[in-house]
Amino acid sequence: AFSNLKGELEGALRKLEQPVSLESAHEAASTLSYSKIENERIVFDKISNVDGLEFLFVIAVGFDHPVSEGNKARSQIYRAITRSQMMFTLVNHSIPGGWLKFLSHVKLTEKV
């Protein structure tokens, strides 16, 4: 799933006018520089590879797991949230019996 998503994202980024590249967390950490960056970069990696690193924006994808697998999903979501400095977004997909199933019933209402 990780490599499929990476391939789709790389294909979409190639269509942009301004060049945007995908990098692993290791590549991003080893190329920190204060010089001018030629193109925009997106760090795309597994949560296990970003421990100790922080990013301005984090988008977490594919983190839900069945409740029967224990606290794996909760732990990974917490780790992803604590990697973000400004904004965190969780992109959920429906898994029967998953930790995030309750989100499919959340309704936002306008307060007057």
PDB file of N, CA and C in Angstrom:
ATOM      1  N   ALA A   1       0.822  -1.193   0.000  1.00  0.00           N
ATOM      2  CA  ALA A   1       0.000   0.000   0.000  1.00  0.00           C
ATOM      3  C   ALA A   1       0.865   1.255   0.000  1.00  0.00           C
ATOM      4  N   PHE A   2       1.966   1.221   0.767  1.00  0.00           N
ATOM      5  CA  PHE A   2       2.857   2.381   0.863  1.00  0.00           C
ATOM      6  C   PHE A   2       3.461   2.712  -0.498  1.00  0.00           C
ATOM      7  N   SER A   3       3.983   1.702  -1.195  1.00  0.00           N
ATOM      8  CA  SER A   3       4.621   1.950  -2.491  1.00  0.00           C
ATOM      9  C   SER A   3       3.591   2.349  -3.554  1.00  0.00           C
ATOM     10  N   ASN A   4       2.371   1.804  -3.485  1.00  0.00           N
ATOM     11  CA  ASN A   4       1.317   2.208  -4.420  1.00  0.00           C
ATOM     12  C   ASN A   4       0.968   3.675  -4.249  1.00  0.00           C
ATOM     13  N   LEU A   5       0.793   4.096  -3.001  1.00  0.00           N
ATOM     14  CA  LEU A   5       0.460   5.486  -2.712  1.00  0.00           C
ATOM     15  C   LEU A   5       1.598   6.410  -3.137  1.00  0.00           C
ATOM     16  N   LYS A   6       2.819   5.989  -2.890  1.00  0.00           N
ATOM     17  CA  LYS A   6       3.974   6.800  -3.281  1.00  0.00           C
ATOM     18  C   LYS A   6       4.013   6.987  -4.799  1.00  0.00           C
ATOM     19  N   GLY A   7       3.767   5.918  -5.550  1.00  0.00           N
ATOM     20  CA  GLY A   7       3.758   6.010  -7.012  1.00  0.00           C
ATOM     21  C   GLY A   7       2.675   6.943  -7.524  1.00  0.00           C
ATOM     22  N   GLU A   8       1.484   6.864  -6.940  1.00  0.00           N
ATOM     23  CA  GLU A   8       0.392   7.743  -7.344  1.00  0.00           C
ATOM     24  C   GLU A   8       0.722   9.202  -7.045  1.00  0.00           C
ATOM     25  N   LEU A   9       1.309   9.448  -5.887  1.00  0.00           N
ATOM     26  CA  LEU A   9       1.665  10.816  -5.500  1.00  0.00           C
ATOM     27  C   LEU A   9       2.759  11.368  -6.408  1.00  0.00           C
ATOM     28  N   GLU A  10       3.751  10.561  -6.719  1.00  0.00           N
ATOM     29  CA  GLU A  10       4.811  11.011  -7.629  1.00  0.00           C
ATOM     30  C   GLU A  10       4.243  11.362  -9.001  1.00  0.00           C
ATOM     31  N   GLY A  11       3.305  10.546  -9.492  1.00  0.00           N
ATOM     32  CA  GLY A  11       2.670  10.830 -10.782  1.00  0.00           C
ATOM     33  C   GLY A  11       1.909  12.142 -10.764  1.00  0.00           C
ATOM     34  N   ALA A  12       1.186  12.399  -9.689  1.00  0.00           N
ATOM     35  CA  ALA A  12       0.427  13.652  -9.573  1.00  0.00           C
ATOM     36  C   ALA A  12       1.362  14.855  -9.465  1.00  0.00           C
ATOM     37  N   LEU A  13       2.472  14.710  -8.763  1.00  0.00           N
ATOM     38  CA  LEU A  13       3.413  15.826  -8.596  1.00  0.00           C
ATOM     39  C   LEU A  13       4.110  16.187  -9.903  1.00  0.00           C
ATOM     40  N   ARG A  14       4.313  15.210 -10.786  1.00  0.00           N
ATOM     41  CA  ARG A  14       4.959  15.483 -12.076  1.00  0.00           C
ATOM     42  C   ARG A  14       4.104  16.397 -12.953  1.00  0.00           C
ATOM     43  N   LYS A  15       2.807  16.451 -12.700  1.00  0.00           N
ATOM     44  CA  LYS A  15       1.893  17.272 -13.506  1.00  0.00           C
ATOM     45  C   LYS A  15       1.885  18.737 -13.083  1.00  0.00           C
ATOM     46  N   LEU A  16       2.508  19.054 -11.968  1.00  0.00           N
ATOM     47  CA  LEU A  16       2.510  20.434 -11.469  1.00  0.00           C
ATOM     48  C   LEU A  16       3.479  21.297 -12.259  1.00  0.00           C
ATOM     49  N   GLU A  17       3.178  22.583 -12.332  1.00  0.00           N
ATOM     50  CA  GLU A  17       4.063  23.525 -13.025  1.00  0.00           C
ATOM     51  C   GLU A  17       5.377  23.697 -12.283  1.00  0.00           C
ATOM     52  N   GLN A  18       5.304  23.850 -10.979  1.00  0.00           N
ATOM     53  CA  GLN A  18       6.504  24.023 -10.158  1.00  0.00           C
ATOM     54  C   GLN A  18       6.980  22.649  -9.692  1.00  0.00           C
ATOM     55  N   PRO A  19       8.264  22.345  -9.839  1.00  0.00           N
ATOM     56  CA  PRO A  19       8.752  21.025  -9.435  1.00  0.00           C
ATOM     57  C   PRO A  19       8.615  20.785  -7.929  1.00  0.00           C
ATOM     58  N   VAL A  20       8.107  19.616  -7.586  1.00  0.00           N
ATOM     59  CA  VAL A  20       7.977  19.181  -6.203  1.00  0.00           C
ATOM     60  C   VAL A  20       8.516  17.758  -6.137  1.00  0.00           C
ATOM     61  N   SER A  21       9.413  17.511  -5.189  1.00  0.00           N
ATOM     62  CA  SER A  21       9.991  16.168  -5.097  1.00  0.00           C
ATOM     63  C   SER A  21       9.602  15.494  -3.790  1.00  0.00           C
ATOM     64  N   LEU A  22       9.554  14.163  -3.828  1.00  0.00           N
ATOM     65  CA  LEU A  22       9.312  13.358  -2.629  1.00  0.00           C
ATOM     66  C   LEU A  22      10.655  12.904  -2.081  1.00  0.00           C
ATOM     67  N   GLU A  23      10.798  12.944  -0.768  1.00  0.00           N
ATOM     68  CA  GLU A  23      12.024  12.472  -0.130  1.00  0.00           C
ATOM     69  C   GLU A  23      11.671  11.618   1.063  1.00  0.00           C
ATOM     70  N   SER A  24      12.573  10.746   1.427  1.00  0.00           N
ATOM     71  CA  SER A  24      12.405   9.972   2.653  1.00  0.00           C
ATOM     72  C   SER A  24      12.783  10.867   3.836  1.00  0.00           C
ATOM     73  N   ALA A  25      12.399  10.454   5.028  1.00  0.00           N
ATOM     74  CA  ALA A  25      12.754  11.220   6.227  1.00  0.00           C
ATOM     75  C   ALA A  25      14.267  11.310   6.372  1.00  0.00           C
ATOM     76  N   HIS A  26      14.966  10.240   6.031  1.00  0.00           N
ATOM     77  CA  HIS A  26      16.434  10.225   6.120  1.00  0.00           C
ATOM     78  C   HIS A  26      17.043  11.259   5.174  1.00  0.00           C
ATOM     79  N   GLU A  27      16.540  11.311   3.930  1.00  0.00           N
ATOM     80  CA  GLU A  27      17.044  12.289   2.958  1.00  0.00           C
ATOM     81  C   GLU A  27      16.769  13.712   3.432  1.00  0.00           C
ATOM     82  N   ALA A  28      15.589  13.948   3.957  1.00  0.00           N
ATOM     83  CA  ALA A  28      15.229  15.295   4.419  1.00  0.00           C
ATOM     84  C   ALA A  28      16.113  15.730   5.585  1.00  0.00           C
ATOM     85  N   ALA A  29      16.365  14.832   6.523  1.00  0.00           N
ATOM     86  CA  ALA A  29      17.177  15.171   7.692  1.00  0.00           C
ATOM     87  C   ALA A  29      18.640  15.381   7.313  1.00  0.00           C
ATOM     88  N   SER A  30      19.118  14.687   6.303  1.00  0.00           N
ATOM     89  CA  SER A  30      20.534  14.804   5.934  1.00  0.00           C
ATOM     90  C   SER A  30      20.809  15.968   4.994  1.00  0.00           C
ATOM     91  N   THR A  31      19.766  16.623   4.479  1.00  0.00           N
ATOM     92  CA  THR A  31      19.978  17.729   3.543  1.00  0.00           C
ATOM     93  C   THR A  31      19.491  19.055   4.106  1.00  0.00           C
ATOM     94  N   LEU A  32      19.377  19.142   5.424  1.00  0.00           N
ATOM     95  CA  LEU A  32      18.960  20.417   6.009  1.00  0.00           C
ATOM     96  C   LEU A  32      19.972  21.481   5.650  1.00  0.00           C
ATOM     97  N   SER A  33      19.487  22.595   5.185  1.00  0.00           N
ATOM     98  CA  SER A  33      20.369  23.649   4.715  1.00  0.00           C
ATOM     99  C   SER A  33      19.647  24.986   4.823  1.00  0.00           C
ATOM    100  N   TYR A  34      20.421  26.029   4.990  1.00  0.00           N
ATOM    101  CA  TYR A  34      19.840  27.368   5.019  1.00  0.00           C
ATOM    102  C   TYR A  34      20.001  28.066   3.674  1.00  0.00           C
ATOM    103  N   SER A  35      20.564  27.363   2.703  1.00  0.00           N
ATOM    104  CA  SER A  35      20.709  27.955   1.379  1.00  0.00           C
ATOM    105  C   SER A  35      19.373  27.871   0.633  1.00  0.00           C
ATOM    106  N   LYS A  36      19.303  28.565  -0.473  1.00  0.00           N
ATOM    107  CA  LYS A  36      18.073  28.590  -1.251  1.00  0.00           C
ATOM    108  C   LYS A  36      17.759  27.182  -1.778  1.00  0.00           C
ATOM    109  N   ILE A  37      16.514  26.775  -1.618  1.00  0.00           N
ATOM    110  CA  ILE A  37      16.087  25.467  -2.094  1.00  0.00           C
ATOM    111  C   ILE A  37      15.533  25.641  -3.504  1.00  0.00           C
ATOM    112  N   GLU A  38      16.020  24.823  -4.421  1.00  0.00           N
ATOM    113  CA  GLU A  38      15.618  24.920  -5.828  1.00  0.00           C
ATOM    114  C   GLU A  38      14.148  24.575  -6.043  1.00  0.00           C
ATOM    115  N   ASN A  39      13.669  23.541  -5.376  1.00  0.00           N
ATOM    116  CA  ASN A  39      12.275  23.139  -5.566  1.00  0.00           C
ATOM    117  C   ASN A  39      11.668  22.735  -4.230  1.00  0.00           C
ATOM    118  N   GLU A  40      10.348  22.685  -4.225  1.00  0.00           N
ATOM    119  CA  GLU A  40       9.630  22.278  -3.015  1.00  0.00           C
ATOM    120  C   GLU A  40       9.843  20.789  -2.778  1.00  0.00           C
ATOM    121  N   ARG A  41       9.842  20.417  -1.490  1.00  0.00           N
ATOM    122  CA  ARG A  41      10.049  19.012  -1.145  1.00  0.00           C
ATOM    123  C   ARG A  41       8.956  18.548  -0.194  1.00  0.00           C
ATOM    124  N   ILE A  42       8.529  17.306  -0.370  1.00  0.00           N
ATOM    125  CA  ILE A  42       7.567  16.676   0.524  1.00  0.00           C
ATOM    126  C   ILE A  42       8.233  15.444   1.102  1.00  0.00           C
ATOM    127  N   VAL A  43       8.213  15.338   2.416  1.00  0.00           N
ATOM    128  CA  VAL A  43       8.744  14.137   3.063  1.00  0.00           C
ATOM    129  C   VAL A  43       7.632  13.105   3.092  1.00  0.00           C
ATOM    130  N   PHE A  44       7.897  11.960   2.503  1.00  0.00           N
ATOM    131  CA  PHE A  44       6.920  10.878   2.412  1.00  0.00           C
ATOM    132  C   PHE A  44       7.585   9.624   2.957  1.00  0.00           C
ATOM    133  N   ASP A  45       7.154   9.203   4.144  1.00  0.00           N
ATOM    134  CA  ASP A  45       7.803   8.050   4.768  1.00  0.00           C
ATOM    135  C   ASP A  45       6.876   7.400   5.772  1.00  0.00           C
ATOM    136  N   LYS A  46       7.299   6.268   6.282  1.00  0.00           N
ATOM    137  CA  LYS A  46       6.536   5.548   7.298  1.00  0.00           C
ATOM    138  C   LYS A  46       6.781   6.196   8.649  1.00  0.00           C
ATOM    139  N   ILE A  47       5.800   6.087   9.552  1.00  0.00           N
ATOM    140  CA  ILE A  47       5.894   6.723  10.867  1.00  0.00           C
ATOM    141  C   ILE A  47       7.109   6.228  11.643  1.00  0.00           C
ATOM    142  N   SER A  48       7.500   4.994  11.447  1.00  0.00           N
ATOM    143  CA  SER A  48       8.654   4.444  12.160  1.00  0.00           C
ATOM    144  C   SER A  48       9.960   5.123  11.752  1.00  0.00           C
ATOM    145  N   ASN A  49       9.977   5.773  10.606  1.00  0.00           N
ATOM    146  CA  ASN A  49      11.197   6.437  10.125  1.00  0.00           C
ATOM    147  C   ASN A  49      11.269   7.914  10.474  1.00  0.00           C
ATOM    148  N   VAL A  50      10.247   8.466  11.112  1.00  0.00           N
ATOM    149  CA  VAL A  50      10.269   9.896  11.427  1.00  0.00           C
ATOM    150  C   VAL A  50      10.359  10.174  12.925  1.00  0.00           C
ATOM    151  N   ASP A  51      10.630   9.166  13.713  1.00  0.00           N
ATOM    152  CA  ASP A  51      10.796   9.386  15.157  1.00  0.00           C
ATOM    153  C   ASP A  51      11.918  10.385  15.397  1.00  0.00           C
ATOM    154  N   GLY A  52      11.656  11.360  16.242  1.00  0.00           N
ATOM    155  CA  GLY A  52      12.646  12.380  16.565  1.00  0.00           C
ATOM    156  C   GLY A  52      12.643  13.557  15.611  1.00  0.00           C
ATOM    157  N   LEU A  53      11.889  13.499  14.526  1.00  0.00           N
ATOM    158  CA  LEU A  53      11.823  14.595  13.562  1.00  0.00           C
ATOM    159  C   LEU A  53      10.498  15.313  13.696  1.00  0.00           C
ATOM    160  N   GLU A  54      10.489  16.592  13.373  1.00  0.00           N
ATOM    161  CA  GLU A  54       9.248  17.368  13.387  1.00  0.00           C
ATOM    162  C   GLU A  54       9.100  18.085  12.060  1.00  0.00           C
ATOM    163  N   PHE A  55       7.850  18.314  11.665  1.00  0.00           N
ATOM    164  CA  PHE A  55       7.535  18.968  10.404  1.00  0.00           C
ATOM    165  C   PHE A  55       6.434  19.984  10.650  1.00  0.00           C
ATOM    166  N   LEU A  56       6.386  21.031   9.819  1.00  0.00           N
ATOM    167  CA  LEU A  56       5.348  22.040   9.992  1.00  0.00           C
ATOM    168  C   LEU A  56       3.963  21.443   9.810  1.00  0.00           C
ATOM    169  N   PHE A  57       3.793  20.636   8.766  1.00  0.00           N
ATOM    170  CA  PHE A  57       2.503  20.029   8.456  1.00  0.00           C
ATOM    171  C   PHE A  57       2.676  18.522   8.342  1.00  0.00           C
ATOM    172  N   VAL A  58       1.749  17.779   8.905  1.00  0.00           N
ATOM    173  CA  VAL A  58       1.770  16.322   8.802  1.00  0.00           C
ATOM    174  C   VAL A  58       0.404  15.852   8.315  1.00  0.00           C
ATOM    175  N   ILE A  59       0.416  15.024   7.285  1.00  0.00           N
ATOM    176  CA  ILE A  59      -0.802  14.378   6.800  1.00  0.00           C
ATOM    177  C   ILE A  59      -0.592  12.883   6.985  1.00  0.00           C
ATOM    178  N   ALA A  60      -1.392  12.285   7.839  1.00  0.00           N
ATOM    179  CA  ALA A  60      -1.271  10.859   8.140  1.00  0.00           C
ATOM    180  C   ALA A  60      -2.311  10.084   7.342  1.00  0.00           C
ATOM    181  N   VAL A  61      -1.866   9.054   6.647  1.00  0.00           N
ATOM    182  CA  VAL A  61      -2.743   8.264   5.785  1.00  0.00           C
ATOM    183  C   VAL A  61      -2.619   6.789   6.153  1.00  0.00           C
ATOM    184  N   GLY A  62      -3.756   6.103   6.240  1.00  0.00           N
ATOM    185  CA  GLY A  62      -3.748   4.659   6.438  1.00  0.00           C
ATOM    186  C   GLY A  62      -3.370   4.211   7.833  1.00  0.00           C
ATOM    187  N   PHE A  63      -3.797   4.934   8.850  1.00  0.00           N
ATOM    188  CA  PHE A  63      -3.398   4.604  10.210  1.00  0.00           C
ATOM    189  C   PHE A  63      -4.395   3.754  10.982  1.00  0.00           C
ATOM    190  N   ASP A  64      -5.587   3.551  10.443  1.00  0.00           N
ATOM    191  CA  ASP A  64      -6.590   2.794  11.193  1.00  0.00           C
ATOM    192  C   ASP A  64      -6.311   1.296  11.107  1.00  0.00           C
ATOM    193  N   HIS A  65      -6.588   0.605  12.203  1.00  0.00           N
ATOM    194  CA  HIS A  65      -6.431  -0.839  12.305  1.00  0.00           C
ATOM    195  C   HIS A  65      -7.605  -1.388  13.090  1.00  0.00           C
ATOM    196  N   PRO A  66      -7.940  -2.664  12.906  1.00  0.00           N
ATOM    197  CA  PRO A  66      -9.014  -3.247  13.715  1.00  0.00           C
ATOM    198  C   PRO A  66      -8.698  -3.156  15.204  1.00  0.00           C
ATOM    199  N   VAL A  67      -9.720  -2.910  15.994  1.00  0.00           N
ATOM    200  CA  VAL A  67      -9.558  -2.806  17.446  1.00  0.00           C
ATOM    201  C   VAL A  67      -8.918  -4.072  18.009  1.00  0.00           C
ATOM    202  N   SER A  68      -9.182  -5.213  17.376  1.00  0.00           N
ATOM    203  CA  SER A  68      -8.632  -6.483  17.860  1.00  0.00           C
ATOM    204  C   SER A  68      -7.110  -6.529  17.816  1.00  0.00           C
ATOM    205  N   GLU A  69      -6.474  -5.622  17.062  1.00  0.00           N
ATOM    206  CA  GLU A  69      -5.007  -5.583  16.983  1.00  0.00           C
ATOM    207  C   GLU A  69      -4.399  -4.774  18.131  1.00  0.00           C
ATOM    208  N   GLY A  70      -5.197  -4.371  19.080  1.00  0.00           N
ATOM    209  CA  GLY A  70      -4.672  -3.623  20.225  1.00  0.00           C
ATOM    210  C   GLY A  70      -4.558  -2.143  19.948  1.00  0.00           C
ATOM    211  N   ASN A  71      -3.605  -1.516  20.599  1.00  0.00           N
ATOM    212  CA  ASN A  71      -3.454  -0.058  20.540  1.00  0.00           C
ATOM    213  C   ASN A  71      -2.535   0.424  19.425  1.00  0.00           C
ATOM    214  N   LYS A  72      -2.257  -0.405  18.442  1.00  0.00           N
ATOM    215  CA  LYS A  72      -1.336  -0.035  17.371  1.00  0.00           C
ATOM    216  C   LYS A  72      -1.758   1.262  16.680  1.00  0.00           C
ATOM    217  N   ALA A  73      -3.031   1.366  16.305  1.00  0.00           N
ATOM    218  CA  ALA A  73      -3.511   2.563  15.607  1.00  0.00           C
ATOM    219  C   ALA A  73      -3.402   3.797  16.490  1.00  0.00           C
ATOM    220  N   ARG A  74      -3.827   3.678  17.738  1.00  0.00           N
ATOM    221  CA  ARG A  74      -3.761   4.830  18.651  1.00  0.00           C
ATOM    222  C   ARG A  74      -2.328   5.295  18.835  1.00  0.00           C
ATOM    223  N   SER A  75      -1.417   4.365  18.993  1.00  0.00           N
ATOM    224  CA  SER A  75      -0.011   4.703  19.174  1.00  0.00           C
ATOM    225  C   SER A  75       0.556   5.399  17.945  1.00  0.00           C
ATOM    226  N   GLN A  76       0.258   4.881  16.757  1.00  0.00           N
ATOM    227  CA  GLN A  76       0.771   5.480  15.529  1.00  0.00           C
ATOM    228  C   GLN A  76       0.178   6.867  15.287  1.00  0.00           C
ATOM    229  N   ILE A  77      -1.102   7.032  15.566  1.00  0.00           N
ATOM    230  CA  ILE A  77      -1.730   8.344  15.387  1.00  0.00           C
ATOM    231  C   ILE A  77      -1.113   9.354  16.343  1.00  0.00           C
ATOM    232  N   TYR A  78      -0.888   8.958  17.592  1.00  0.00           N
ATOM    233  CA  TYR A  78      -0.246   9.849  18.565  1.00  0.00           C
ATOM    234  C   TYR A  78       1.140  10.250  18.075  1.00  0.00           C
ATOM    235  N   ARG A  79       1.909   9.284  17.593  1.00  0.00           N
ATOM    236  CA  ARG A  79       3.253   9.584  17.088  1.00  0.00           C
ATOM    237  C   ARG A  79       3.195  10.547  15.920  1.00  0.00           C
ATOM    238  N   ALA A  80       2.210  10.384  15.031  1.00  0.00           N
ATOM    239  CA  ALA A  80       2.072  11.284  13.882  1.00  0.00           C
ATOM    240  C   ALA A  80       1.691  12.694  14.332  1.00  0.00           C
ATOM    241  N   ILE A  81       0.761  12.789  15.278  1.00  0.00           N
ATOM    242  CA  ILE A  81       0.335  14.099  15.783  1.00  0.00           C
ATOM    243  C   ILE A  81       1.510  14.841  16.395  1.00  0.00           C
ATOM    244  N   THR A  82       2.326  14.148  17.167  1.00  0.00           N
ATOM    245  CA  THR A  82       3.441  14.805  17.856  1.00  0.00           C
ATOM    246  C   THR A  82       4.599  15.143  16.919  1.00  0.00           C
ATOM    247  N   ARG A  83       4.547  14.735  15.655  1.00  0.00           N
ATOM    248  CA  ARG A  83       5.558  15.124  14.663  1.00  0.00           C
ATOM    249  C   ARG A  83       5.223  16.479  14.064  1.00  0.00           C
ATOM    250  N   SER A  84       3.967  16.924  14.186  1.00  0.00           N
ATOM    251  CA  SER A  84       3.562  18.170  13.527  1.00  0.00           C
ATOM    252  C   SER A  84       3.766  19.365  14.451  1.00  0.00           C
ATOM    253  N   GLN A  85       4.196  20.475  13.860  1.00  0.00           N
ATOM    254  CA  GLN A  85       4.399  21.707  14.619  1.00  0.00           C
ATOM    255  C   GLN A  85       3.207  22.645  14.481  1.00  0.00           C
ATOM    256  N   MET A  86       2.575  22.686  13.306  1.00  0.00           N
ATOM    257  CA  MET A  86       1.485  23.629  13.082  1.00  0.00           C
ATOM    258  C   MET A  86       0.147  22.962  12.815  1.00  0.00           C
ATOM    259  N   MET A  87       0.148  21.957  11.929  1.00  0.00           N
ATOM    260  CA  MET A  87      -1.127  21.379  11.528  1.00  0.00           C
ATOM    261  C   MET A  87      -0.995  19.877  11.305  1.00  0.00           C
ATOM    262  N   PHE A  88      -2.010  19.158  11.768  1.00  0.00           N
ATOM    263  CA  PHE A  88      -2.067  17.710  11.574  1.00  0.00           C
ATOM    264  C   PHE A  88      -3.391  17.369  10.909  1.00  0.00           C
ATOM    265  N   THR A  89      -3.338  16.509   9.884  1.00  0.00           N
ATOM    266  CA  THR A  89      -4.547  16.041   9.215  1.00  0.00           C
ATOM    267  C   THR A  89      -4.484  14.525   9.139  1.00  0.00           C
ATOM    268  N   LEU A  90      -5.582  13.883   9.510  1.00  0.00           N
ATOM    269  CA  LEU A  90      -5.685  12.431   9.419  1.00  0.00           C
ATOM    270  C   LEU A  90      -6.633  12.090   8.287  1.00  0.00           C
ATOM    271  N   VAL A  91      -6.134  11.390   7.284  1.00  0.00           N
ATOM    272  CA  VAL A  91      -6.959  10.938   6.176  1.00  0.00           C
ATOM    273  C   VAL A  91      -7.386   9.525   6.511  1.00  0.00           C
ATOM    274  N   ASN A  92      -8.671   9.338   6.747  1.00  0.00           N
ATOM    275  CA  ASN A  92      -9.189   8.059   7.215  1.00  0.00           C
ATOM    276  C   ASN A  92      -9.799   7.252   6.077  1.00  0.00           C
ATOM    277  N   HIS A  93      -9.649   5.958   6.169  1.00  0.00           N
ATOM    278  CA  HIS A  93     -10.387   5.047   5.305  1.00  0.00           C
ATOM    279  C   HIS A  93     -11.114   4.075   6.227  1.00  0.00           C
ATOM    280  N   SER A  94     -12.262   3.637   5.802  1.00  0.00           N
ATOM    281  CA  SER A  94     -13.124   2.841   6.675  1.00  0.00           C
ATOM    282  C   SER A  94     -12.636   1.406   6.792  1.00  0.00           C
ATOM    283  N   ILE A  95     -12.400   0.984   8.015  1.00  0.00           N
ATOM    284  CA  ILE A  95     -12.035  -0.402   8.313  1.00  0.00           C
ATOM    285  C   ILE A  95     -13.081  -0.934   9.274  1.00  0.00           C
ATOM    286  N   PRO A  96     -13.754  -2.025   8.911  1.00  0.00           N
ATOM    287  CA  PRO A  96     -14.753  -2.588   9.825  1.00  0.00           C
ATOM    288  C   PRO A  96     -14.122  -2.923  11.183  1.00  0.00           C
ATOM    289  N   GLY A  97     -14.718  -2.418  12.236  1.00  0.00           N
ATOM    290  CA  GLY A  97     -14.201  -2.671  13.576  1.00  0.00           C
ATOM    291  C   GLY A  97     -12.942  -1.891  13.903  1.00  0.00           C
ATOM    292  N   GLY A  98     -12.650  -0.839  13.127  1.00  0.00           N
ATOM    293  CA  GLY A  98     -11.438  -0.051  13.339  1.00  0.00           C
ATOM    294  C   GLY A  98     -11.598   0.981  14.440  1.00  0.00           C
ATOM    295  N   TRP A  99     -10.470   1.502  14.897  1.00  0.00           N
ATOM    296  CA  TRP A  99     -10.460   2.513  15.954  1.00  0.00           C
ATOM    297  C   TRP A  99     -11.183   3.783  15.530  1.00  0.00           C
ATOM    298  N   LEU A 100     -11.126   4.104  14.260  1.00  0.00           N
ATOM    299  CA  LEU A 100     -11.671   5.387  13.795  1.00  0.00           C
ATOM    300  C   LEU A 100     -13.078   5.267  13.216  1.00  0.00           C
ATOM    301  N   LYS A 101     -13.721   4.127  13.391  1.00  0.00           N
ATOM    302  CA  LYS A 101     -15.054   3.917  12.828  1.00  0.00           C
ATOM    303  C   LYS A 101     -16.057   4.966  13.330  1.00  0.00           C
ATOM    304  N   PHE A 102     -15.902   5.403  14.564  1.00  0.00           N
ATOM    305  CA  PHE A 102     -16.843   6.386  15.123  1.00  0.00           C
ATOM    306  C   PHE A 102     -16.871   7.675  14.317  1.00  0.00           C
ATOM    307  N   LEU A 103     -15.800   7.977  13.579  1.00  0.00           N
ATOM    308  CA  LEU A 103     -15.758   9.222  12.809  1.00  0.00           C
ATOM    309  C   LEU A 103     -16.794   9.249  11.693  1.00  0.00           C
ATOM    310  N   SER A 104     -17.232   8.082  11.232  1.00  0.00           N
ATOM    311  CA  SER A 104     -18.228   8.055  10.164  1.00  0.00           C
ATOM    312  C   SER A 104     -19.601   8.520  10.651  1.00  0.00           C
ATOM    313  N   HIS A 105     -19.774   8.628  11.966  1.00  0.00           N
ATOM    314  CA  HIS A 105     -21.050   9.063  12.537  1.00  0.00           C
ATOM    315  C   HIS A 105     -20.993  10.495  13.083  1.00  0.00           C
ATOM    316  N   VAL A 106     -19.855  11.136  12.985  1.00  0.00           N
ATOM    317  CA  VAL A 106     -19.709  12.500  13.502  1.00  0.00           C
ATOM    318  C   VAL A 106     -20.362  13.472  12.531  1.00  0.00           C
ATOM    319  N   LYS A 107     -21.232  14.310  13.046  1.00  0.00           N
ATOM    320  CA  LYS A 107     -21.902  15.324  12.238  1.00  0.00           C
ATOM    321  C   LYS A 107     -21.564  16.693  12.820  1.00  0.00           C
ATOM    322  N   LEU A 108     -21.110  17.583  11.971  1.00  0.00           N
ATOM    323  CA  LEU A 108     -20.812  18.938  12.400  1.00  0.00           C
ATOM    324  C   LEU A 108     -22.063  19.788  12.246  1.00  0.00           C
ATOM    325  N   THR A 109     -22.339  20.588  13.254  1.00  0.00           N
ATOM    326  CA  THR A 109     -23.493  21.479  13.186  1.00  0.00           C
ATOM    327  C   THR A 109     -23.038  22.911  13.365  1.00  0.00           C
ATOM    328  N   GLU A 110     -23.809  23.817  12.793  1.00  0.00           N
ATOM    329  CA  GLU A 110     -23.479  25.228  12.895  1.00  0.00           C
ATOM    330  C   GLU A 110     -24.098  25.781  14.164  1.00  0.00           C
ATOM    331  N   LYS A 111     -23.251  26.367  15.009  1.00  0.00           N
ATOM    332  CA  LYS A 111     -23.767  27.014  16.230  1.00  0.00           C
ATOM    333  C   LYS A 111     -24.180  28.422  15.902  1.00  0.00           C
ATOM    334  N   VAL A 112     -25.293  28.824  16.463  1.00  0.00           N
ATOM    335  CA  VAL A 112     -25.809  30.171  16.220  1.00  0.00           C
ATOM    336  C   VAL A 112     -25.429  31.066  17.373  1.00  0.00           C
TER     337      VAL A 112
END
